[in-house]
N, C-alpha and C. Protein backbone atom coordinates (compact mmCIF):
# COMPACT_ATOMS: atom_id res chain seq x y z
N ALA A 1 -75.21 -6.77 -15.96
CA ALA A 1 -74.30 -5.68 -15.69
C ALA A 1 -73.68 -5.83 -14.32
N SER A 2 -74.36 -6.41 -13.43
CA SER A 2 -73.88 -6.60 -12.07
C SER A 2 -72.68 -7.54 -12.05
N VAL A 3 -72.73 -8.62 -12.79
CA VAL A 3 -71.62 -9.58 -12.86
C VAL A 3 -70.42 -8.91 -13.52
N ALA A 4 -70.66 -8.20 -14.58
CA ALA A 4 -69.59 -7.51 -15.28
C ALA A 4 -68.96 -6.45 -14.38
N GLU A 5 -69.78 -5.74 -13.63
CA GLU A 5 -69.25 -4.72 -12.73
C GLU A 5 -68.38 -5.34 -11.65
N ARG A 6 -68.86 -6.53 -11.14
CA ARG A 6 -68.06 -7.23 -10.12
C ARG A 6 -66.73 -7.70 -10.70
N ARG A 7 -66.76 -8.20 -11.92
CA ARG A 7 -65.53 -8.64 -12.57
C ARG A 7 -64.57 -7.46 -12.77
N VAL A 8 -65.11 -6.34 -13.18
CA VAL A 8 -64.28 -5.15 -13.36
C VAL A 8 -63.69 -4.74 -12.02
N ALA A 9 -64.51 -4.80 -10.97
CA ALA A 9 -64.02 -4.43 -9.64
C ALA A 9 -62.92 -5.38 -9.20
N VAL A 10 -63.10 -6.68 -9.44
CA VAL A 10 -62.06 -7.67 -9.09
C VAL A 10 -60.80 -7.41 -9.90
N LEU A 11 -60.95 -7.17 -11.20
CA LEU A 11 -59.79 -6.90 -12.05
C LEU A 11 -59.08 -5.62 -11.60
N GLU A 12 -59.86 -4.60 -11.24
CA GLU A 12 -59.24 -3.36 -10.77
C GLU A 12 -58.49 -3.60 -9.46
N SER A 13 -59.06 -4.42 -8.59
CA SER A 13 -58.40 -4.74 -7.32
C SER A 13 -57.11 -5.50 -7.58
N GLN A 14 -57.16 -6.49 -8.48
CA GLN A 14 -55.97 -7.26 -8.81
C GLN A 14 -54.91 -6.37 -9.47
N THR A 15 -55.38 -5.47 -10.32
CA THR A 15 -54.46 -4.54 -10.98
C THR A 15 -53.78 -3.65 -9.95
N ALA A 16 -54.55 -3.17 -8.98
CA ALA A 16 -53.99 -2.33 -7.93
C ALA A 16 -52.96 -3.11 -7.12
N LYS A 17 -53.26 -4.38 -6.79
CA LYS A 17 -52.32 -5.22 -6.05
C LYS A 17 -51.04 -5.43 -6.86
N LEU A 18 -51.22 -5.72 -8.17
CA LEU A 18 -50.04 -5.92 -9.03
C LEU A 18 -49.20 -4.64 -9.12
N GLN A 19 -49.88 -3.50 -9.23
CA GLN A 19 -49.15 -2.24 -9.28
C GLN A 19 -48.38 -2.01 -7.98
N SER A 20 -49.01 -2.36 -6.86
CA SER A 20 -48.35 -2.21 -5.57
C SER A 20 -47.13 -3.13 -5.50
N ARG A 21 -47.27 -4.34 -6.00
CA ARG A 21 -46.13 -5.28 -6.02
C ARG A 21 -45.01 -4.77 -6.93
N ILE A 22 -45.41 -4.20 -8.07
CA ILE A 22 -44.42 -3.66 -8.99
C ILE A 22 -43.66 -2.52 -8.32
N ILE A 23 -44.40 -1.64 -7.64
CA ILE A 23 -43.76 -0.53 -6.93
C ILE A 23 -42.82 -1.06 -5.86
N ASP A 24 -43.27 -2.07 -5.09
CA ASP A 24 -42.40 -2.67 -4.07
C ASP A 24 -41.15 -3.27 -4.70
N ALA A 25 -41.32 -3.98 -5.81
CA ALA A 25 -40.17 -4.59 -6.49
C ALA A 25 -39.22 -3.51 -7.00
N GLU A 26 -39.78 -2.43 -7.57
CA GLU A 26 -38.93 -1.34 -8.05
C GLU A 26 -38.17 -0.69 -6.89
N THR A 27 -38.85 -0.55 -5.75
CA THR A 27 -38.20 0.03 -4.56
C THR A 27 -37.06 -0.86 -4.10
N ARG A 28 -37.33 -2.18 -4.03
CA ARG A 28 -36.28 -3.11 -3.62
C ARG A 28 -35.12 -3.09 -4.62
N LEU A 29 -35.44 -3.00 -5.91
CA LEU A 29 -34.41 -2.93 -6.93
C LEU A 29 -33.57 -1.66 -6.75
N ALA A 30 -34.22 -0.55 -6.49
CA ALA A 30 -33.48 0.70 -6.28
C ALA A 30 -32.59 0.59 -5.05
N CYS A 31 -33.10 -0.02 -3.98
CA CYS A 31 -32.28 -0.22 -2.78
C CYS A 31 -31.10 -1.13 -3.09
N SER A 32 -31.35 -2.18 -3.85
CA SER A 32 -30.27 -3.10 -4.22
C SER A 32 -29.22 -2.39 -5.06
N GLU A 33 -29.69 -1.54 -5.99
CA GLU A 33 -28.75 -0.78 -6.82
C GLU A 33 -27.94 0.18 -5.97
N ASP A 34 -28.60 0.82 -5.00
CA ASP A 34 -27.88 1.73 -4.09
C ASP A 34 -26.85 0.95 -3.28
N THR A 35 -27.25 -0.22 -2.79
CA THR A 35 -26.33 -1.06 -2.02
C THR A 35 -25.15 -1.49 -2.88
N LEU A 36 -25.44 -1.86 -4.11
CA LEU A 36 -24.37 -2.26 -5.04
C LEU A 36 -23.44 -1.09 -5.31
N ALA A 37 -24.01 0.09 -5.54
CA ALA A 37 -23.17 1.27 -5.80
C ALA A 37 -22.29 1.58 -4.59
N ALA A 38 -22.87 1.46 -3.40
CA ALA A 38 -22.08 1.71 -2.18
C ALA A 38 -20.97 0.67 -2.05
N ALA A 39 -21.28 -0.58 -2.35
CA ALA A 39 -20.26 -1.63 -2.28
C ALA A 39 -19.16 -1.38 -3.31
N GLU A 40 -19.55 -0.93 -4.50
CA GLU A 40 -18.55 -0.63 -5.52
C GLU A 40 -17.68 0.55 -5.08
N ASP A 41 -18.31 1.55 -4.44
CA ASP A 41 -17.54 2.68 -3.92
C ASP A 41 -16.54 2.22 -2.87
N ARG A 42 -17.01 1.34 -1.96
CA ARG A 42 -16.11 0.83 -0.92
C ARG A 42 -14.98 0.02 -1.55
N ALA A 43 -15.31 -0.77 -2.56
CA ALA A 43 -14.27 -1.55 -3.23
C ALA A 43 -13.27 -0.62 -3.91
N GLY A 44 -13.76 0.44 -4.53
CA GLY A 44 -12.86 1.41 -5.15
C GLY A 44 -11.97 2.08 -4.12
N THR A 45 -12.57 2.43 -2.99
CA THR A 45 -11.79 3.04 -1.92
C THR A 45 -10.74 2.07 -1.41
N ALA A 46 -11.14 0.81 -1.22
CA ALA A 46 -10.19 -0.20 -0.75
C ALA A 46 -9.05 -0.37 -1.75
N GLU A 47 -9.38 -0.36 -3.04
CA GLU A 47 -8.33 -0.48 -4.05
C GLU A 47 -7.39 0.72 -4.02
N ALA A 48 -7.98 1.91 -3.81
CA ALA A 48 -7.15 3.12 -3.73
C ALA A 48 -6.23 3.06 -2.52
N VAL A 49 -6.79 2.60 -1.39
CA VAL A 49 -5.98 2.48 -0.17
C VAL A 49 -4.88 1.45 -0.39
N GLU A 50 -5.25 0.34 -1.01
CA GLU A 50 -4.25 -0.70 -1.27
C GLU A 50 -3.16 -0.17 -2.20
N GLY A 51 -3.58 0.59 -3.22
CA GLY A 51 -2.60 1.18 -4.14
C GLY A 51 -1.68 2.14 -3.42
N ALA A 52 -2.28 2.97 -2.55
CA ALA A 52 -1.47 3.92 -1.78
C ALA A 52 -0.53 3.17 -0.84
N SER A 53 -1.04 2.10 -0.22
CA SER A 53 -0.19 1.31 0.67
C SER A 53 0.95 0.66 -0.11
N SER A 54 0.63 0.13 -1.27
CA SER A 54 1.68 -0.47 -2.10
C SER A 54 2.71 0.57 -2.49
N SER A 55 2.22 1.77 -2.79
CA SER A 55 3.16 2.85 -3.14
C SER A 55 4.04 3.20 -1.95
N ARG A 56 3.44 3.28 -0.76
CA ARG A 56 4.23 3.59 0.43
C ARG A 56 5.22 2.47 0.72
N VAL A 57 4.81 1.24 0.52
CA VAL A 57 5.73 0.11 0.73
C VAL A 57 6.89 0.20 -0.25
N ALA A 58 6.57 0.51 -1.51
CA ALA A 58 7.64 0.63 -2.52
C ALA A 58 8.59 1.77 -2.16
N GLU A 59 8.02 2.89 -1.69
CA GLU A 59 8.87 4.01 -1.28
C GLU A 59 9.76 3.61 -0.10
N ALA A 60 9.17 2.91 0.86
CA ALA A 60 9.94 2.48 2.03
C ALA A 60 11.04 1.51 1.61
N GLU A 61 10.71 0.61 0.69
CA GLU A 61 11.73 -0.32 0.21
C GLU A 61 12.85 0.43 -0.50
N GLY A 62 12.48 1.46 -1.27
CA GLY A 62 13.49 2.28 -1.94
C GLY A 62 14.39 2.99 -0.94
N ARG A 63 13.76 3.54 0.11
CA ARG A 63 14.56 4.22 1.14
C ARG A 63 15.46 3.22 1.86
N ALA A 64 14.95 2.02 2.12
CA ALA A 64 15.76 1.00 2.79
C ALA A 64 16.94 0.60 1.91
N ALA A 65 16.69 0.46 0.61
CA ALA A 65 17.78 0.11 -0.31
C ALA A 65 18.84 1.21 -0.34
N ALA A 66 18.37 2.47 -0.36
CA ALA A 66 19.31 3.60 -0.36
C ALA A 66 20.11 3.62 0.94
N ALA A 67 19.43 3.37 2.06
CA ALA A 67 20.14 3.34 3.34
C ALA A 67 21.16 2.21 3.37
N GLU A 68 20.79 1.08 2.82
CA GLU A 68 21.72 -0.05 2.77
C GLU A 68 22.93 0.30 1.90
N ALA A 69 22.69 0.97 0.78
CA ALA A 69 23.81 1.38 -0.08
C ALA A 69 24.72 2.35 0.65
N ARG A 70 24.09 3.31 1.39
CA ARG A 70 24.92 4.25 2.16
C ARG A 70 25.71 3.52 3.24
N ALA A 71 25.10 2.53 3.88
CA ALA A 71 25.80 1.76 4.91
C ALA A 71 26.99 1.01 4.31
N LEU A 72 26.79 0.45 3.12
CA LEU A 72 27.89 -0.25 2.45
C LEU A 72 29.01 0.72 2.10
N GLU A 73 28.64 1.92 1.62
CA GLU A 73 29.66 2.93 1.32
C GLU A 73 30.42 3.32 2.58
N THR A 74 29.68 3.51 3.67
CA THR A 74 30.32 3.89 4.94
C THR A 74 31.25 2.79 5.41
N ASN A 75 30.81 1.54 5.31
CA ASN A 75 31.67 0.41 5.69
C ASN A 75 32.94 0.39 4.85
N ALA A 76 32.79 0.64 3.56
CA ALA A 76 33.96 0.65 2.67
C ALA A 76 34.91 1.78 3.07
N MET A 77 34.34 2.95 3.40
CA MET A 77 35.19 4.08 3.82
C MET A 77 35.89 3.75 5.13
N VAL A 78 35.19 3.12 6.07
CA VAL A 78 35.80 2.74 7.35
C VAL A 78 36.91 1.75 7.12
N GLU A 79 36.66 0.74 6.27
CA GLU A 79 37.70 -0.25 5.98
C GLU A 79 38.92 0.40 5.33
N SER A 80 38.66 1.35 4.42
CA SER A 80 39.77 2.06 3.78
C SER A 80 40.55 2.87 4.79
N ALA A 81 39.83 3.56 5.68
CA ALA A 81 40.50 4.36 6.72
C ALA A 81 41.30 3.45 7.65
N GLN A 82 40.76 2.30 7.99
CA GLN A 82 41.48 1.36 8.85
C GLN A 82 42.74 0.86 8.17
N ALA A 83 42.64 0.57 6.87
CA ALA A 83 43.81 0.11 6.12
C ALA A 83 44.88 1.21 6.07
N LYS A 84 44.44 2.46 5.85
CA LYS A 84 45.40 3.58 5.83
C LYS A 84 46.04 3.76 7.21
N LEU A 85 45.24 3.63 8.27
CA LEU A 85 45.76 3.75 9.62
C LEU A 85 46.77 2.64 9.90
N ALA A 86 46.44 1.41 9.50
CA ALA A 86 47.37 0.30 9.70
C ALA A 86 48.68 0.55 8.95
N ALA A 87 48.58 1.07 7.72
CA ALA A 87 49.79 1.36 6.94
C ALA A 87 50.60 2.46 7.62
N ALA A 88 49.91 3.48 8.14
CA ALA A 88 50.62 4.58 8.81
C ALA A 88 51.29 4.08 10.08
N LEU A 89 50.61 3.21 10.83
CA LEU A 89 51.20 2.65 12.05
C LEU A 89 52.41 1.79 11.71
N LYS A 90 52.29 1.02 10.64
CA LYS A 90 53.42 0.18 10.21
C LYS A 90 54.61 1.06 9.83
N GLN A 91 54.32 2.14 9.09
CA GLN A 91 55.40 3.05 8.69
C GLN A 91 56.02 3.72 9.92
N GLU A 92 55.16 4.08 10.89
CA GLU A 92 55.66 4.70 12.12
C GLU A 92 56.56 3.73 12.88
N LEU A 93 56.17 2.46 12.94
CA LEU A 93 56.98 1.44 13.62
C LEU A 93 58.32 1.27 12.89
N GLN A 94 58.26 1.29 11.55
CA GLN A 94 59.49 1.15 10.79
C GLN A 94 60.43 2.34 11.05
N LEU A 95 59.86 3.54 11.09
CA LEU A 95 60.67 4.73 11.37
C LEU A 95 61.23 4.68 12.78
N ALA A 96 60.41 4.24 13.73
CA ALA A 96 60.89 4.12 15.12
C ALA A 96 62.02 3.11 15.19
N GLU A 97 61.89 2.01 14.46
CA GLU A 97 62.95 1.00 14.45
C GLU A 97 64.23 1.57 13.83
N ARG A 98 64.09 2.32 12.73
CA ARG A 98 65.27 2.93 12.11
C ARG A 98 65.93 3.92 13.06
N LEU A 99 65.10 4.70 13.74
CA LEU A 99 65.61 5.67 14.70
C LEU A 99 66.37 4.97 15.82
N ARG A 100 65.83 3.88 16.32
CA ARG A 100 66.47 3.11 17.39
C ARG A 100 67.82 2.58 16.93
N VAL A 101 67.80 2.00 15.70
CA VAL A 101 69.06 1.46 15.16
C VAL A 101 70.07 2.57 14.96
N ALA A 102 69.63 3.72 14.47
CA ALA A 102 70.53 4.84 14.24
C ALA A 102 71.10 5.36 15.57
N GLU A 103 70.28 5.37 16.61
CA GLU A 103 70.74 5.84 17.91
C GLU A 103 71.75 4.85 18.53
N GLU A 104 71.62 3.58 18.21
CA GLU A 104 72.54 2.57 18.72
C GLU A 104 73.91 2.71 18.09
N ARG A 105 74.01 3.24 16.91
CA ARG A 105 75.28 3.38 16.22
C ARG A 105 76.00 4.49 16.81
């Protein structure tokens, strides 16, 4: 009975050590899972930030395109006004020339 009792005691000791190792492994696994979840959260946040940044870039590009279109319209209006002014100046010169010729007669 003494040998059997010692064997039982050894087996119980080994079982306790194995249970302790299992608990340690489960704890490490839980920590790893927590770390993985945190990393996934950070990755999700980074993707959201990147998406928001991409959206802001697209909005800025849209505003820049609109501003460029307005600038082109303004340039066209300026060119049209300049052409009208040149035509008016030409007409004024022609009238001044006619007036001069008429005064000479």
